[in-house]
Structure formats: C-alpha cells, structure tokens
C-alpha cells in the first residue's frame, strides 16, 4: 500500500471513530437526556483539530 493510500485509510479510521463517538453522545442527549461531560466534548474537539491539521498538512 502506498504512503498516500495509508494516510487516507488512517483518516477514514479517525473519521469513523469520531462519528461513532458523536453518535453515542447524540443518543445520550436526545434519548437519555444526559448532557456530555465537558471533558468528553473537549477530547472530541481535540481529536477533530488534530485530524484537520493532519489533512491540511498532507493535503490529502
């Protein structure tokens, strides 16, 4: 697998993980009426920022 393909796969995996975390958080808010912990939201935001920086730096 080429380096570019590997980077794209890594980005896909990170996006999938973020999506699952956001879906879980959304369900907790809408169905269980539980607000997420601020640290959980910050962690997701940090992950998204890191992913964005990775994408921008490599111009995938």
PDB file of N, CA and C in Angstrom:
ATOM      1  N   UNK A   1       0.849  -1.178   0.000  1.00  0.00           N
ATOM      2  CA  UNK A   1       0.000   0.000   0.000  1.00  0.00           C
ATOM      3  C   UNK A   1       0.893   1.239   0.000  1.00  0.00           C
ATOM      4  N   UNK A   2       0.565   2.185  -0.842  1.00  0.00           N
ATOM      5  CA  UNK A   2       1.380   3.396  -0.912  1.00  0.00           C
ATOM      6  C   UNK A   2       1.154   4.251   0.319  1.00  0.00           C
ATOM      7  N   UNK A   3       2.069   5.182   0.508  1.00  0.00           N
ATOM      8  CA  UNK A   3       2.003   6.062   1.666  1.00  0.00           C
ATOM      9  C   UNK A   3       0.725   6.906   1.648  1.00  0.00           C
ATOM     10  N   UNK A   4       0.340   7.388   0.490  1.00  0.00           N
ATOM     11  CA  UNK A   4      -0.864   8.215   0.380  1.00  0.00           C
ATOM     12  C   UNK A   4      -2.102   7.395   0.709  1.00  0.00           C
ATOM     13  N   UNK A   5      -2.159   6.180   0.198  1.00  0.00           N
ATOM     14  CA  UNK A   5      -3.310   5.315   0.495  1.00  0.00           C
ATOM     15  C   UNK A   5      -3.387   5.015   1.988  1.00  0.00           C
ATOM     16  N   UNK A   6      -2.238   4.801   2.601  1.00  0.00           N
ATOM     17  CA  UNK A   6      -2.203   4.518   4.034  1.00  0.00           C
ATOM     18  C   UNK A   6      -2.705   5.723   4.819  1.00  0.00           C
ATOM     19  N   UNK A   7      -2.283   6.908   4.431  1.00  0.00           N
ATOM     20  CA  UNK A   7      -2.739   8.123   5.115  1.00  0.00           C
ATOM     21  C   UNK A   7      -4.241   8.298   4.961  1.00  0.00           C
ATOM     22  N   UNK A   8      -4.752   8.024   3.784  1.00  0.00           N
ATOM     23  CA  UNK A   8      -6.189   8.132   3.565  1.00  0.00           C
ATOM     24  C   UNK A   8      -6.946   7.128   4.430  1.00  0.00           C
ATOM     25  N   UNK A   9      -6.420   5.925   4.540  1.00  0.00           N
ATOM     26  CA  UNK A   9      -7.053   4.921   5.386  1.00  0.00           C
ATOM     27  C   UNK A   9      -7.039   5.351   6.849  1.00  0.00           C
ATOM     28  N   UNK A  10      -5.936   5.943   7.278  1.00  0.00           N
ATOM     29  CA  UNK A  10      -5.845   6.443   8.651  1.00  0.00           C
ATOM     30  C   UNK A  10      -6.881   7.528   8.908  1.00  0.00           C
ATOM     31  N   UNK A  11      -7.031   8.416   7.956  1.00  0.00           N
ATOM     32  CA  UNK A  11      -8.024   9.483   8.092  1.00  0.00           C
ATOM     33  C   UNK A  11      -9.425   8.886   8.166  1.00  0.00           C
ATOM     34  N   UNK A  12      -9.697   7.905   7.325  1.00  0.00           N
ATOM     35  CA  UNK A  12     -11.009   7.252   7.346  1.00  0.00           C
ATOM     36  C   UNK A  12     -11.275   6.614   8.700  1.00  0.00           C
ATOM     37  N   UNK A  13     -10.276   5.965   9.252  1.00  0.00           N
ATOM     38  CA  UNK A  13     -10.446   5.318  10.555  1.00  0.00           C
ATOM     39  C   UNK A  13     -10.722   6.352  11.642  1.00  0.00           C
ATOM     40  N   UNK A  14      -9.990   7.457  11.601  1.00  0.00           N
ATOM     41  CA  UNK A  14     -10.198   8.511  12.594  1.00  0.00           C
ATOM     42  C   UNK A  14     -11.594   9.121  12.454  1.00  0.00           C
ATOM     43  N   UNK A  15     -12.016   9.327  11.227  1.00  0.00           N
ATOM     44  CA  UNK A  15     -13.351   9.872  10.994  1.00  0.00           C
ATOM     45  C   UNK A  15     -14.434   8.916  11.483  1.00  0.00           C
ATOM     46  N   UNK A  16     -14.224   7.648  11.237  1.00  0.00           N
ATOM     47  CA  UNK A  16     -15.189   6.643  11.690  1.00  0.00           C
ATOM     48  C   UNK A  16     -15.283   6.651  13.214  1.00  0.00           C
ATOM     49  N   UNK A  17     -14.154   6.730  13.884  1.00  0.00           N
ATOM     50  CA  UNK A  17     -14.122   6.766  15.342  1.00  0.00           C
ATOM     51  C   UNK A  17     -14.823   8.025  15.863  1.00  0.00           C
ATOM     52  N   UNK A  18     -14.527   9.157  15.263  1.00  0.00           N
ATOM     53  CA  UNK A  18     -15.172  10.396  15.675  1.00  0.00           C
ATOM     54  C   UNK A  18     -16.682  10.330  15.470  1.00  0.00           C
ATOM     55  N   UNK A  19     -17.080   9.787  14.350  1.00  0.00           N
ATOM     56  CA  UNK A  19     -18.506   9.670  14.044  1.00  0.00           C
ATOM     57  C   UNK A  19     -19.207   8.803  15.079  1.00  0.00           C
ATOM     58  N   UNK A  20     -18.609   7.689  15.450  1.00  0.00           N
ATOM     59  CA  UNK A  20     -19.203   6.803  16.454  1.00  0.00           C
ATOM     60  C   UNK A  20     -19.322   7.513  17.801  1.00  0.00           C
ATOM     61  N   UNK A  21     -18.282   8.241  18.168  1.00  0.00           N
ATOM     62  CA  UNK A  21     -18.317   8.972  19.438  1.00  0.00           C
ATOM     63  C   UNK A  21     -19.404  10.043  19.428  1.00  0.00           C
ATOM     64  N   UNK A  22     -19.535  10.737  18.318  1.00  0.00           N
ATOM     65  CA  UNK A  22     -20.561  11.774  18.217  1.00  0.00           C
ATOM     66  C   UNK A  22     -21.964  11.182  18.213  1.00  0.00           C
ATOM     67  N   UNK A  23     -22.134  10.050  17.541  1.00  0.00           N
ATOM     68  CA  UNK A  23     -23.443   9.390  17.543  1.00  0.00           C
ATOM     69  C   UNK A  23     -23.829   8.960  18.956  1.00  0.00           C
ATOM     70  N   UNK A  24     -22.877   8.407  19.673  1.00  0.00           N
ATOM     71  CA  UNK A  24     -23.128   7.978  21.039  1.00  0.00           C
ATOM     72  C   UNK A  24     -23.522   9.175  21.910  1.00  0.00           C
ATOM     73  N   UNK A  25     -22.793  10.265  21.757  1.00  0.00           N
ATOM     74  CA  UNK A  25     -23.071  11.468  22.520  1.00  0.00           C
ATOM     75  C   UNK A  25     -24.460  12.012  22.165  1.00  0.00           C
ATOM     76  N   UNK A  26     -24.778  11.993  20.894  1.00  0.00           N
ATOM     77  CA  UNK A  26     -26.079  12.478  20.440  1.00  0.00           C
ATOM     78  C   UNK A  26     -27.219  11.650  21.037  1.00  0.00           C
ATOM     79  N   UNK A  27     -27.062  10.346  21.029  1.00  0.00           N
ATOM     80  CA  UNK A  27     -28.092   9.480  21.606  1.00  0.00           C
ATOM     81  C   UNK A  27     -28.273   9.723  23.100  1.00  0.00           C
ATOM     82  N   UNK A  28     -27.189   9.950  23.782  1.00  0.00           N
ATOM     83  CA  UNK A  28     -27.280  10.229  25.216  1.00  0.00           C
ATOM     84  C   UNK A  28     -28.060  11.519  25.462  1.00  0.00           C
ATOM     85  N   UNK A  29     -27.821  12.502  24.630  1.00  0.00           N
ATOM     86  CA  UNK A  29     -28.506  13.782  24.809  1.00  0.00           C
ATOM     87  C   UNK A  29     -29.978  13.667  24.438  1.00  0.00           C
ATOM     88  N   UNK A  30     -30.273  13.052  23.314  1.00  0.00           N
ATOM     89  CA  UNK A  30     -31.652  13.037  22.829  1.00  0.00           C
ATOM     90  C   UNK A  30     -32.536  11.984  23.488  1.00  0.00           C
ATOM     91  N   UNK A  31     -31.982  10.822  23.769  1.00  0.00           N
ATOM     92  CA  UNK A  31     -32.816   9.742  24.309  1.00  0.00           C
ATOM     93  C   UNK A  31     -32.727   9.619  25.823  1.00  0.00           C
ATOM     94  N   UNK A  32     -31.543   9.787  26.350  1.00  0.00           N
ATOM     95  CA  UNK A  32     -31.372   9.602  27.786  1.00  0.00           C
ATOM     96  C   UNK A  32     -31.379  10.928  28.544  1.00  0.00           C
ATOM     97  N   UNK A  33     -31.403  12.018  27.788  1.00  0.00           N
ATOM     98  CA  UNK A  33     -31.396  13.366  28.365  1.00  0.00           C
ATOM     99  C   UNK A  33     -30.202  13.593  29.294  1.00  0.00           C
ATOM    100  N   UNK A  34     -29.074  13.055  28.864  1.00  0.00           N
ATOM    101  CA  UNK A  34     -27.836  13.207  29.632  1.00  0.00           C
ATOM    102  C   UNK A  34     -26.898  14.108  28.828  1.00  0.00           C
ATOM    103  N   UNK A  35     -26.479  15.182  29.446  1.00  0.00           N
ATOM    104  CA  UNK A  35     -25.525  16.061  28.773  1.00  0.00           C
ATOM    105  C   UNK A  35     -24.122  15.459  28.869  1.00  0.00           C
ATOM    106  N   UNK A  36     -23.324  15.603  27.813  1.00  0.00           N
ATOM    107  CA  UNK A  36     -21.967  15.060  27.867  1.00  0.00           C
ATOM    108  C   UNK A  36     -21.099  15.844  28.846  1.00  0.00           C
ATOM    109  N   UNK A  37     -20.119  15.162  29.346  1.00  0.00           N
ATOM    110  CA  UNK A  37     -19.165  15.815  30.235  1.00  0.00           C
ATOM    111  C   UNK A  37     -18.328  16.790  29.406  1.00  0.00           C
ATOM    112  N   UNK A  38     -18.014  17.939  29.966  1.00  0.00           N
ATOM    113  CA  UNK A  38     -17.203  18.911  29.212  1.00  0.00           C
ATOM    114  C   UNK A  38     -15.883  18.321  28.716  1.00  0.00           C
ATOM    115  N   UNK A  39     -15.281  17.473  29.511  1.00  0.00           N
ATOM    116  CA  UNK A  39     -14.006  16.864  29.100  1.00  0.00           C
ATOM    117  C   UNK A  39     -14.181  15.958  27.885  1.00  0.00           C
ATOM    118  N   UNK A  40     -15.322  15.275  27.808  1.00  0.00           N
ATOM    119  CA  UNK A  40     -15.589  14.415  26.655  1.00  0.00           C
ATOM    120  C   UNK A  40     -15.734  15.250  25.380  1.00  0.00           C
ATOM    121  N   UNK A  41     -16.406  16.373  25.506  1.00  0.00           N
ATOM    122  CA  UNK A  41     -16.568  17.264  24.356  1.00  0.00           C
ATOM    123  C   UNK A  41     -15.214  17.838  23.936  1.00  0.00           C
ATOM    124  N   UNK A  42     -14.428  18.238  24.911  1.00  0.00           N
ATOM    125  CA  UNK A  42     -13.090  18.788  24.621  1.00  0.00           C
ATOM    126  C   UNK A  42     -12.212  17.745  23.952  1.00  0.00           C
ATOM    127  N   UNK A  43     -12.294  16.509  24.414  1.00  0.00           N
ATOM    128  CA  UNK A  43     -11.495  15.435  23.814  1.00  0.00           C
ATOM    129  C   UNK A  43     -11.865  15.234  22.343  1.00  0.00           C
ATOM    130  N   UNK A  44     -13.162  15.227  22.064  1.00  0.00           N
ATOM    131  CA  UNK A  44     -13.593  15.075  20.674  1.00  0.00           C
ATOM    132  C   UNK A  44     -13.143  16.258  19.821  1.00  0.00           C
ATOM    133  N   UNK A  45     -13.233  17.438  20.374  1.00  0.00           N
ATOM    134  CA  UNK A  45     -12.786  18.619  19.630  1.00  0.00           C
ATOM    135  C   UNK A  45     -11.288  18.554  19.348  1.00  0.00           C
ATOM    136  N   UNK A  46     -10.529  18.099  20.330  1.00  0.00           N
ATOM    137  CA  UNK A  46      -9.079  17.956  20.135  1.00  0.00           C
ATOM    138  C   UNK A  46      -8.770  16.940  19.040  1.00  0.00           C
ATOM    139  N   UNK A  47      -9.497  15.831  19.051  1.00  0.00           N
ATOM    140  CA  UNK A  47      -9.298  14.815  18.013  1.00  0.00           C
ATOM    141  C   UNK A  47      -9.624  15.375  16.634  1.00  0.00           C
ATOM    142  N   UNK A  48     -10.686  16.137  16.560  1.00  0.00           N
ATOM    143  CA  UNK A  48     -11.073  16.727  15.280  1.00  0.00           C
ATOM    144  C   UNK A  48     -10.036  17.745  14.811  1.00  0.00           C
ATOM    145  N   UNK A  49      -9.518  18.534  15.738  1.00  0.00           N
ATOM    146  CA  UNK A  49      -8.482  19.510  15.387  1.00  0.00           C
ATOM    147  C   UNK A  49      -7.217  18.820  14.878  1.00  0.00           C
ATOM    148  N   UNK A  50      -6.821  17.751  15.549  1.00  0.00           N
ATOM    149  CA  UNK A  50      -5.630  17.009  15.119  1.00  0.00           C
ATOM    150  C   UNK A  50      -5.819  16.414  13.737  1.00  0.00           C
ATOM    151  N   UNK A  51      -6.992  15.879  13.507  1.00  0.00           N
ATOM    152  CA  UNK A  51      -7.285  15.297  12.202  1.00  0.00           C
ATOM    153  C   UNK A  51      -7.279  16.372  11.121  1.00  0.00           C
ATOM    154  N   UNK A  52      -7.859  17.502  11.414  1.00  0.00           N
ATOM    155  CA  UNK A  52      -7.868  18.602  10.454  1.00  0.00           C
ATOM    156  C   UNK A  52      -6.449  19.066  10.134  1.00  0.00           C
ATOM    157  N   UNK A  53      -5.623  19.172  11.143  1.00  0.00           N
ATOM    158  CA  UNK A  53      -4.227  19.574  10.925  1.00  0.00           C
ATOM    159  C   UNK A  53      -3.494  18.549  10.072  1.00  0.00           C
ATOM    160  N   UNK A  54      -3.750  17.280  10.321  1.00  0.00           N
ATOM    161  CA  UNK A  54      -3.135  16.218   9.539  1.00  0.00           C
ATOM    162  C   UNK A  54      -3.543  16.332   8.073  1.00  0.00           C
ATOM    163  N   UNK A  55      -4.819  16.526   7.860  1.00  0.00           N
ATOM    164  CA  UNK A  55      -5.327  16.634   6.487  1.00  0.00           C
ATOM    165  C   UNK A  55      -4.740  17.861   5.798  1.00  0.00           C
ATOM    166  N   UNK A  56      -4.728  18.982   6.489  1.00  0.00           N
ATOM    167  CA  UNK A  56      -4.203  20.215   5.901  1.00  0.00           C
ATOM    168  C   UNK A  56      -2.701  20.122   5.627  1.00  0.00           C
ATOM    169  N   UNK A  57      -1.971  19.488   6.508  1.00  0.00           N
ATOM    170  CA  UNK A  57      -0.521  19.409   6.332  1.00  0.00           C
ATOM    171  C   UNK A  57      -0.131  18.475   5.188  1.00  0.00           C
ATOM    172  N   UNK A  58      -0.928  17.441   4.960  1.00  0.00           N
ATOM    173  CA  UNK A  58      -0.613  16.471   3.915  1.00  0.00           C
ATOM    174  C   UNK A  58      -1.398  16.702   2.637  1.00  0.00           C
ATOM    175  N   UNK A  59      -2.386  17.565   2.711  1.00  0.00           N
ATOM    176  CA  UNK A  59      -3.209  17.895   1.560  1.00  0.00           C
ATOM    177  C   UNK A  59      -3.708  16.638   0.853  1.00  0.00           C
ATOM    178  N   UNK A  60      -4.384  15.829   1.634  1.00  0.00           N
ATOM    179  CA  UNK A  60      -4.927  14.563   1.114  1.00  0.00           C
ATOM    180  C   UNK A  60      -6.080  14.808   0.196  1.00  0.00           C
TER     181      UNK A  60
END
